[in-house]
């Protein structure tokens, strides 16, 4: 099996206008192999070939609800990294939420049933990890640098899934970069000051694009929200109105 460097070098020769015959003679690589690399550069591994996005007629992932949830987790705490022969998807899940770790692993498995899912322990968290050459197909938002330092836009097919399954996307985003907390304040009741507690949801992300994806999904399900600034930056999205919190409790809930 030829590594990626050799494949790229052979294709670079073809790109210079060389014929497959001449490149084959120079490199010792068969014409059939070079021709196949023009269609698919990465080697096909057993169980990894099936990808709805790579089909002749590209289609969305078959398990759309779990994909929407996994997309939310990826946008918050995930990354796709290129390795020598494949790609890795890693989702950072805090040790404080063992249920979230299991839900994340289950979603990865349902989106890519052929994959093994690993739980790699790190300081304070578990990296739910899976290796597959098609992760860039499923998460085209991957790229060099931090997400908040580059543009993040959903592709049309991803937006269609988000429109069909907004609660799954919201749940994934909250499970990654959000939380449910109980705030308190005081008010005068019959001349006496009493403590009043109320739940609210927060979502915090430096990327304005990801915050917009979140608020667009909230708008789609009828949840009222507001933006709170931190150090003059609008990093927090708050859901505090009683009816909206009740909706979030019914469809999202606290991490566990």
C-alpha atoms as a PDB file:
ATOM      1  CA  UNK A   1       0.000   0.000   0.000  1.00  0.00           C
ATOM      2  CA  UNK A   2       1.384   3.400  -0.988  1.00  0.00           C
ATOM      3  CA  UNK A   3       1.372   6.172   1.589  1.00  0.00           C
ATOM      4  CA  UNK A   4      -0.271   9.528   1.057  1.00  0.00           C
ATOM      5  CA  UNK A   5       2.981  11.305   0.159  1.00  0.00           C
ATOM      6  CA  UNK A   6       3.702   8.938  -2.745  1.00  0.00           C
ATOM      7  CA  UNK A   7       0.103   9.218  -3.955  1.00  0.00           C
ATOM      8  CA  UNK A   8       0.283  13.002  -3.943  1.00  0.00           C
ATOM      9  CA  UNK A   9       3.614  12.993  -5.769  1.00  0.00           C
ATOM     10  CA  UNK A  10       2.213  10.754  -8.507  1.00  0.00           C
ATOM     11  CA  UNK A  11      -0.867  12.939  -8.912  1.00  0.00           C
ATOM     12  CA  UNK A  12       1.326  16.043  -9.012  1.00  0.00           C
ATOM     13  CA  UNK A  13       3.143  14.570 -12.025  1.00  0.00           C
ATOM     14  CA  UNK A  14      -0.181  13.900 -13.736  1.00  0.00           C
ATOM     15  CA  UNK A  15      -1.267  17.462 -12.961  1.00  0.00           C
ATOM     16  CA  UNK A  16       1.793  18.693 -14.871  1.00  0.00           C
ATOM     17  CA  UNK A  17       0.316  17.201 -18.035  1.00  0.00           C
ATOM     18  CA  UNK A  18       2.186  13.905 -17.939  1.00  0.00           C
ATOM     19  CA  UNK A  19       0.395  10.815 -19.227  1.00  0.00           C
ATOM     20  CA  UNK A  20      -0.478   7.946 -16.922  1.00  0.00           C
ATOM     21  CA  UNK A  21       1.919   5.756 -18.920  1.00  0.00           C
ATOM     22  CA  UNK A  22       4.921   8.043 -18.338  1.00  0.00           C
ATOM     23  CA  UNK A  23       4.139   8.534 -14.653  1.00  0.00           C
ATOM     24  CA  UNK A  24       3.736   4.792 -14.251  1.00  0.00           C
ATOM     25  CA  UNK A  25       7.104   4.116 -15.893  1.00  0.00           C
ATOM     26  CA  UNK A  26       8.854   6.723 -13.761  1.00  0.00           C
ATOM     27  CA  UNK A  27       7.361   5.703 -10.431  1.00  0.00           C
ATOM     28  CA  UNK A  28       6.743   2.011 -10.933  1.00  0.00           C
ATOM     29  CA  UNK A  29       3.125   2.456  -9.893  1.00  0.00           C
ATOM     30  CA  UNK A  30       0.433   0.878 -12.043  1.00  0.00           C
ATOM     31  CA  UNK A  31      -1.769   3.098 -14.189  1.00  0.00           C
ATOM     32  CA  UNK A  32      -4.867   1.619 -12.543  1.00  0.00           C
ATOM     33  CA  UNK A  33      -3.656   2.681  -9.103  1.00  0.00           C
ATOM     34  CA  UNK A  34      -2.894   6.231 -10.245  1.00  0.00           C
ATOM     35  CA  UNK A  35      -6.262   6.439 -11.994  1.00  0.00           C
ATOM     36  CA  UNK A  36      -8.053   5.317  -8.822  1.00  0.00           C
ATOM     37  CA  UNK A  37      -6.220   7.959  -6.768  1.00  0.00           C
ATOM     38  CA  UNK A  38      -7.644  10.644  -9.049  1.00  0.00           C
ATOM     39  CA  UNK A  39     -11.058   9.641  -7.721  1.00  0.00           C
ATOM     40  CA  UNK A  40     -10.135   8.780  -4.120  1.00  0.00           C
ATOM     41  CA  UNK A  41      -6.809   9.788  -2.622  1.00  0.00           C
ATOM     42  CA  UNK A  42      -7.185   8.119   0.769  1.00  0.00           C
ATOM     43  CA  UNK A  43      -6.978   4.329   0.945  1.00  0.00           C
ATOM     44  CA  UNK A  44     -10.240   2.508   1.447  1.00  0.00           C
ATOM     45  CA  UNK A  45     -10.256   0.555   4.673  1.00  0.00           C
ATOM     46  CA  UNK A  46     -12.613  -2.360   5.426  1.00  0.00           C
ATOM     47  CA  UNK A  47     -15.863  -1.055   6.817  1.00  0.00           C
ATOM     48  CA  UNK A  48     -14.933   2.550   6.050  1.00  0.00           C
ATOM     49  CA  UNK A  49     -15.917   2.724   2.396  1.00  0.00           C
ATOM     50  CA  UNK A  50     -19.618   3.404   2.947  1.00  0.00           C
ATOM     51  CA  UNK A  51     -20.265   7.124   3.078  1.00  0.00           C
ATOM     52  CA  UNK A  52     -23.531   8.702   2.025  1.00  0.00           C
ATOM     53  CA  UNK A  53     -21.738  11.955   1.210  1.00  0.00           C
ATOM     54  CA  UNK A  54     -19.315  10.183  -1.174  1.00  0.00           C
ATOM     55  CA  UNK A  55     -22.032   8.378  -3.133  1.00  0.00           C
ATOM     56  CA  UNK A  56     -22.624   9.190  -6.802  1.00  0.00           C
ATOM     57  CA  UNK A  57     -25.704  11.034  -5.574  1.00  0.00           C
ATOM     58  CA  UNK A  58     -24.633  12.516  -2.203  1.00  0.00           C
ATOM     59  CA  UNK A  59     -27.170  12.036   0.569  1.00  0.00           C
ATOM     60  CA  UNK A  60     -27.358  13.100   4.205  1.00  0.00           C
ATOM     61  CA  UNK A  61     -26.339  10.644   6.935  1.00  0.00           C
ATOM     62  CA  UNK A  62     -29.045   7.994   7.390  1.00  0.00           C
ATOM     63  CA  UNK A  63     -29.556   8.641  11.135  1.00  0.00           C
ATOM     64  CA  UNK A  64     -30.397  12.330  10.944  1.00  0.00           C
ATOM     65  CA  UNK A  65     -31.468  12.897  14.593  1.00  0.00           C
ATOM     66  CA  UNK A  66     -28.245  11.428  15.988  1.00  0.00           C
ATOM     67  CA  UNK A  67     -26.229  13.309  13.382  1.00  0.00           C
ATOM     68  CA  UNK A  68     -27.868  16.593  14.469  1.00  0.00           C
ATOM     69  CA  UNK A  69     -26.982  15.819  18.100  1.00  0.00           C
ATOM     70  CA  UNK A  70     -23.409  14.864  17.185  1.00  0.00           C
ATOM     71  CA  UNK A  71     -23.092  18.003  15.063  1.00  0.00           C
ATOM     72  CA  UNK A  72     -23.964  20.080  18.125  1.00  0.00           C
ATOM     73  CA  UNK A  73     -21.350  18.259  20.196  1.00  0.00           C
ATOM     74  CA  UNK A  74     -18.753  18.713  17.447  1.00  0.00           C
ATOM     75  CA  UNK A  75     -19.408  22.434  17.043  1.00  0.00           C
ATOM     76  CA  UNK A  76     -18.989  22.900  20.777  1.00  0.00           C
ATOM     77  CA  UNK A  77     -16.258  20.577  21.987  1.00  0.00           C
ATOM     78  CA  UNK A  78     -15.188  18.512  18.982  1.00  0.00           C
ATOM     79  CA  UNK A  79     -12.440  18.480  16.424  1.00  0.00           C
ATOM     80  CA  UNK A  80     -11.532  16.543  13.290  1.00  0.00           C
ATOM     81  CA  UNK A  81      -7.799  15.963  12.849  1.00  0.00           C
ATOM     82  CA  UNK A  82      -5.871  14.611   9.917  1.00  0.00           C
ATOM     83  CA  UNK A  83      -3.603  11.638  10.573  1.00  0.00           C
ATOM     84  CA  UNK A  84      -1.221   9.782   8.264  1.00  0.00           C
ATOM     85  CA  UNK A  85      -3.844   7.534   6.676  1.00  0.00           C
ATOM     86  CA  UNK A  86      -7.185   8.612   8.096  1.00  0.00           C
ATOM     87  CA  UNK A  87      -8.946  11.246  10.216  1.00  0.00           C
ATOM     88  CA  UNK A  88      -9.918  11.267  13.866  1.00  0.00           C
ATOM     89  CA  UNK A  89     -13.055  12.711  15.415  1.00  0.00           C
ATOM     90  CA  UNK A  90     -12.631  13.676  19.061  1.00  0.00           C
ATOM     91  CA  UNK A  91     -15.325  15.038  21.357  1.00  0.00           C
ATOM     92  CA  UNK A  92     -14.186  16.282  24.780  1.00  0.00           C
ATOM     93  CA  UNK A  93     -16.664  15.268  27.506  1.00  0.00           C
ATOM     94  CA  UNK A  94     -16.192  16.293  31.112  1.00  0.00           C
ATOM     95  CA  UNK A  95     -15.757  13.556  33.709  1.00  0.00           C
ATOM     96  CA  UNK A  96     -18.541  15.281  35.645  1.00  0.00           C
ATOM     97  CA  UNK A  97     -21.141  14.009  33.169  1.00  0.00           C
ATOM     98  CA  UNK A  98     -20.802  10.221  32.640  1.00  0.00           C
ATOM     99  CA  UNK A  99     -24.218  10.103  30.986  1.00  0.00           C
ATOM    100  CA  UNK A 100     -23.053  12.619  28.396  1.00  0.00           C
ATOM    101  CA  UNK A 101     -19.987  10.490  27.638  1.00  0.00           C
ATOM    102  CA  UNK A 102     -22.223   7.489  26.930  1.00  0.00           C
ATOM    103  CA  UNK A 103     -24.667   9.513  24.822  1.00  0.00           C
ATOM    104  CA  UNK A 104     -21.812  10.942  22.792  1.00  0.00           C
ATOM    105  CA  UNK A 105     -20.299   7.495  22.150  1.00  0.00           C
ATOM    106  CA  UNK A 106     -23.716   6.143  21.201  1.00  0.00           C
ATOM    107  CA  UNK A 107     -24.303   8.971  18.721  1.00  0.00           C
ATOM    108  CA  UNK A 108     -20.909   8.394  17.063  1.00  0.00           C
ATOM    109  CA  UNK A 109     -21.712   4.698  16.715  1.00  0.00           C
ATOM    110  CA  UNK A 110     -25.127   5.366  15.195  1.00  0.00           C
ATOM    111  CA  UNK A 111     -23.779   7.905  12.724  1.00  0.00           C
ATOM    112  CA  UNK A 112     -20.923   5.572  11.704  1.00  0.00           C
ATOM    113  CA  UNK A 113     -22.041   2.032  12.644  1.00  0.00           C
ATOM    114  CA  UNK A 114     -18.865   0.490  11.160  1.00  0.00           C
ATOM    115  CA  UNK A 115     -16.660   2.430  13.574  1.00  0.00           C
ATOM    116  CA  UNK A 116     -15.111   1.437  16.834  1.00  0.00           C
ATOM    117  CA  UNK A 117     -15.526   4.163  19.443  1.00  0.00           C
ATOM    118  CA  UNK A 118     -12.788   4.750  21.998  1.00  0.00           C
ATOM    119  CA  UNK A 119     -12.901   6.570  25.316  1.00  0.00           C
ATOM    120  CA  UNK A 120      -9.495   8.157  25.833  1.00  0.00           C
ATOM    121  CA  UNK A 121      -8.964   9.560  29.307  1.00  0.00           C
ATOM    122  CA  UNK A 122      -7.392  12.989  29.669  1.00  0.00           C
ATOM    123  CA  UNK A 123      -7.104  15.419  32.566  1.00  0.00           C
ATOM    124  CA  UNK A 124     -10.634  16.167  33.729  1.00  0.00           C
ATOM    125  CA  UNK A 125     -12.318  14.720  30.666  1.00  0.00           C
ATOM    126  CA  UNK A 126     -12.807  11.781  28.338  1.00  0.00           C
ATOM    127  CA  UNK A 127     -12.104  12.185  24.635  1.00  0.00           C
ATOM    128  CA  UNK A 128     -14.719  10.164  22.778  1.00  0.00           C
ATOM    129  CA  UNK A 129     -12.718   9.219  19.691  1.00  0.00           C
ATOM    130  CA  UNK A 130     -13.289   7.422  16.395  1.00  0.00           C
ATOM    131  CA  UNK A 131     -11.078   7.038  13.320  1.00  0.00           C
ATOM    132  CA  UNK A 132     -12.503   7.178   9.814  1.00  0.00           C
ATOM    133  CA  UNK A 133     -11.414   8.748   6.498  1.00  0.00           C
ATOM    134  CA  UNK A 134     -14.896  10.180   5.987  1.00  0.00           C
ATOM    135  CA  UNK A 135     -15.149  12.493   8.990  1.00  0.00           C
ATOM    136  CA  UNK A 136     -14.358  15.533   6.777  1.00  0.00           C
ATOM    137  CA  UNK A 137     -17.306  14.518   4.580  1.00  0.00           C
ATOM    138  CA  UNK A 138     -19.646  14.516   7.579  1.00  0.00           C
ATOM    139  CA  UNK A 139     -18.167  17.588   9.282  1.00  0.00           C
ATOM    140  CA  UNK A 140     -16.991  19.929   6.505  1.00  0.00           C
ATOM    141  CA  UNK A 141     -16.531  22.691   9.097  1.00  0.00           C
ATOM    142  CA  UNK A 142     -13.187  21.140  10.053  1.00  0.00           C
ATOM    143  CA  UNK A 143     -10.052  23.082   9.211  1.00  0.00           C
ATOM    144  CA  UNK A 144      -6.864  24.578  10.640  1.00  0.00           C
ATOM    145  CA  UNK A 145      -7.136  26.867  13.624  1.00  0.00           C
ATOM    146  CA  UNK A 146      -9.741  27.395  16.293  1.00  0.00           C
ATOM    147  CA  UNK A 147     -13.392  27.534  15.298  1.00  0.00           C
ATOM    148  CA  UNK A 148     -13.928  31.033  16.666  1.00  0.00           C
ATOM    149  CA  UNK A 149     -11.061  32.331  14.505  1.00  0.00           C
ATOM    150  CA  UNK A 150     -12.605  31.232  11.192  1.00  0.00           C
ATOM    151  CA  UNK A 151     -15.983  31.178   9.509  1.00  0.00           C
ATOM    152  CA  UNK A 152     -18.342  28.365  10.471  1.00  0.00           C
ATOM    153  CA  UNK A 153     -21.285  27.801   8.161  1.00  0.00           C
ATOM    154  CA  UNK A 154     -23.600  24.832   7.815  1.00  0.00           C
ATOM    155  CA  UNK A 155     -23.769  23.319   4.353  1.00  0.00           C
ATOM    156  CA  UNK A 156     -27.193  23.160   2.722  1.00  0.00           C
ATOM    157  CA  UNK A 157     -27.650  19.482   3.566  1.00  0.00           C
ATOM    158  CA  UNK A 158     -26.656  20.131   7.184  1.00  0.00           C
ATOM    159  CA  UNK A 159     -29.093  23.023   7.417  1.00  0.00           C
ATOM    160  CA  UNK A 160     -31.870  20.760   6.140  1.00  0.00           C
ATOM    161  CA  UNK A 161     -31.106  18.318   8.966  1.00  0.00           C
ATOM    162  CA  UNK A 162     -31.010  21.191  11.472  1.00  0.00           C
ATOM    163  CA  UNK A 163     -34.393  22.381  10.227  1.00  0.00           C
ATOM    164  CA  UNK A 164     -35.890  18.893  10.560  1.00  0.00           C
ATOM    165  CA  UNK A 165     -34.312  18.078  13.928  1.00  0.00           C
ATOM    166  CA  UNK A 166     -33.685  21.399  15.723  1.00  0.00           C
ATOM    167  CA  UNK A 167     -34.102  19.971  19.214  1.00  0.00           C
ATOM    168  CA  UNK A 168     -31.403  17.353  18.628  1.00  0.00           C
ATOM    169  CA  UNK A 169     -29.029  20.089  17.466  1.00  0.00           C
ATOM    170  CA  UNK A 170     -29.913  22.306  20.437  1.00  0.00           C
ATOM    171  CA  UNK A 171     -29.385  19.392  22.808  1.00  0.00           C
ATOM    172  CA  UNK A 172     -25.950  18.657  21.374  1.00  0.00           C
ATOM    173  CA  UNK A 173     -24.918  22.306  21.602  1.00  0.00           C
ATOM    174  CA  UNK A 174     -26.122  22.624  25.206  1.00  0.00           C
ATOM    175  CA  UNK A 175     -24.447  19.348  26.169  1.00  0.00           C
ATOM    176  CA  UNK A 176     -21.175  20.683  24.802  1.00  0.00           C
ATOM    177  CA  UNK A 177     -21.012  24.390  25.637  1.00  0.00           C
ATOM    178  CA  UNK A 178     -24.150  24.932  27.673  1.00  0.00           C
ATOM    179  CA  UNK A 179     -25.568  24.344  31.123  1.00  0.00           C
ATOM    180  CA  UNK A 180     -28.755  24.506  33.182  1.00  0.00           C
ATOM    181  CA  UNK A 181     -28.359  26.472  36.387  1.00  0.00           C
ATOM    182  CA  UNK A 182     -30.593  27.871  39.122  1.00  0.00           C
ATOM    183  CA  UNK A 183     -30.363  31.624  39.620  1.00  0.00           C
ATOM    184  CA  UNK A 184     -31.760  33.518  42.561  1.00  0.00           C
ATOM    185  CA  UNK A 185     -32.901  37.005  43.349  1.00  0.00           C
ATOM    186  CA  UNK A 186     -34.905  38.719  46.061  1.00  0.00           C
ATOM    187  CA  UNK A 187     -38.231  40.485  45.947  1.00  0.00           C
ATOM    188  CA  UNK A 188     -40.537  42.209  48.392  1.00  0.00           C
ATOM    189  CA  UNK A 189     -43.570  40.088  49.351  1.00  0.00           C
ATOM    190  CA  UNK A 190     -46.046  41.546  51.861  1.00  0.00           C
ATOM    191  CA  UNK A 191     -43.431  43.963  53.047  1.00  0.00           C
ATOM    192  CA  UNK A 192     -40.760  41.301  53.530  1.00  0.00           C
ATOM    193  CA  UNK A 193     -37.837  40.516  51.253  1.00  0.00           C
ATOM    194  CA  UNK A 194     -37.887  36.895  50.133  1.00  0.00           C
ATOM    195  CA  UNK A 195     -35.476  34.842  48.114  1.00  0.00           C
ATOM    196  CA  UNK A 196     -36.758  33.715  44.725  1.00  0.00           C
ATOM    197  CA  UNK A 197     -35.059  30.995  42.671  1.00  0.00           C
ATOM    198  CA  UNK A 198     -35.549  30.295  38.984  1.00  0.00           C
ATOM    199  CA  UNK A 199     -33.830  27.994  36.454  1.00  0.00           C
ATOM    200  CA  UNK A 200     -32.200  29.203  33.271  1.00  0.00           C
ATOM    201  CA  UNK A 201     -30.045  27.856  30.455  1.00  0.00           C
ATOM    202  CA  UNK A 202     -26.740  29.318  29.331  1.00  0.00           C
ATOM    203  CA  UNK A 203     -24.792  28.652  26.151  1.00  0.00           C
ATOM    204  CA  UNK A 204     -21.291  30.115  25.881  1.00  0.00           C
ATOM    205  CA  UNK A 205     -19.126  30.063  22.771  1.00  0.00           C
ATOM    206  CA  UNK A 206     -16.588  32.520  21.368  1.00  0.00           C
ATOM    207  CA  UNK A 207     -17.697  31.891  17.783  1.00  0.00           C
ATOM    208  CA  UNK A 208     -20.410  34.259  16.648  1.00  0.00           C
ATOM    209  CA  UNK A 209     -21.232  31.823  13.835  1.00  0.00           C
ATOM    210  CA  UNK A 210     -21.820  28.941  16.259  1.00  0.00           C
ATOM    211  CA  UNK A 211     -23.897  31.152  18.555  1.00  0.00           C
ATOM    212  CA  UNK A 212     -25.983  32.070  15.522  1.00  0.00           C
ATOM    213  CA  UNK A 213     -26.501  28.410  14.632  1.00  0.00           C
ATOM    214  CA  UNK A 214     -27.724  27.898  18.195  1.00  0.00           C
ATOM    215  CA  UNK A 215     -30.067  30.893  18.258  1.00  0.00           C
ATOM    216  CA  UNK A 216     -31.464  30.034  14.822  1.00  0.00           C
ATOM    217  CA  UNK A 217     -32.371  26.602  16.188  1.00  0.00           C
ATOM    218  CA  UNK A 218     -33.931  28.198  19.281  1.00  0.00           C
ATOM    219  CA  UNK A 219     -36.006  30.467  17.049  1.00  0.00           C
ATOM    220  CA  UNK A 220     -37.170  27.430  15.078  1.00  0.00           C
ATOM    221  CA  UNK A 221     -38.581  25.750  18.204  1.00  0.00           C
ATOM    222  CA  UNK A 222     -40.079  28.891  19.719  1.00  0.00           C
ATOM    223  CA  UNK A 223     -37.600  29.436  22.567  1.00  0.00           C
ATOM    224  CA  UNK A 224     -37.027  33.045  23.603  1.00  0.00           C
ATOM    225  CA  UNK A 225     -33.423  33.994  24.285  1.00  0.00           C
ATOM    226  CA  UNK A 226     -31.228  36.970  25.052  1.00  0.00           C
ATOM    227  CA  UNK A 227     -27.541  37.782  24.694  1.00  0.00           C
ATOM    228  CA  UNK A 228     -25.395  38.563  27.717  1.00  0.00           C
ATOM    229  CA  UNK A 229     -21.967  40.152  27.327  1.00  0.00           C
ATOM    230  CA  UNK A 230     -18.825  39.097  29.152  1.00  0.00           C
ATOM    231  CA  UNK A 231     -16.045  41.678  29.184  1.00  0.00           C
ATOM    232  CA  UNK A 232     -17.957  43.575  26.487  1.00  0.00           C
ATOM    233  CA  UNK A 233     -18.107  40.461  24.283  1.00  0.00           C
ATOM    234  CA  UNK A 234     -21.511  38.849  23.567  1.00  0.00           C
ATOM    235  CA  UNK A 235     -20.418  35.327  24.519  1.00  0.00           C
ATOM    236  CA  UNK A 236     -23.482  34.074  26.420  1.00  0.00           C
ATOM    237  CA  UNK A 237     -26.918  33.119  25.164  1.00  0.00           C
ATOM    238  CA  UNK A 238     -29.437  33.010  28.006  1.00  0.00           C
ATOM    239  CA  UNK A 239     -32.833  31.326  28.132  1.00  0.00           C
ATOM    240  CA  UNK A 240     -34.666  32.505  31.256  1.00  0.00           C
ATOM    241  CA  UNK A 241     -38.360  33.020  30.497  1.00  0.00           C
ATOM    242  CA  UNK A 242     -40.490  30.428  32.252  1.00  0.00           C
ATOM    243  CA  UNK A 243     -42.223  29.032  29.183  1.00  0.00           C
ATOM    244  CA  UNK A 244     -38.963  28.759  27.259  1.00  0.00           C
ATOM    245  CA  UNK A 245     -37.175  27.086  30.174  1.00  0.00           C
ATOM    246  CA  UNK A 246     -40.050  24.593  30.363  1.00  0.00           C
ATOM    247  CA  UNK A 247     -39.551  23.789  26.665  1.00  0.00           C
ATOM    248  CA  UNK A 248     -35.827  23.329  27.197  1.00  0.00           C
ATOM    249  CA  UNK A 249     -36.480  21.082  30.204  1.00  0.00           C
ATOM    250  CA  UNK A 250     -38.817  18.933  28.134  1.00  0.00           C
ATOM    251  CA  UNK A 251     -36.465  18.493  25.180  1.00  0.00           C
ATOM    252  CA  UNK A 252     -32.949  19.080  26.526  1.00  0.00           C
ATOM    253  CA  UNK A 253     -32.673  18.868  30.301  1.00  0.00           C
ATOM    254  CA  UNK A 254     -29.651  19.171  32.519  1.00  0.00           C
ATOM    255  CA  UNK A 255     -26.452  17.247  31.867  1.00  0.00           C
ATOM    256  CA  UNK A 256     -26.003  14.072  33.865  1.00  0.00           C
END
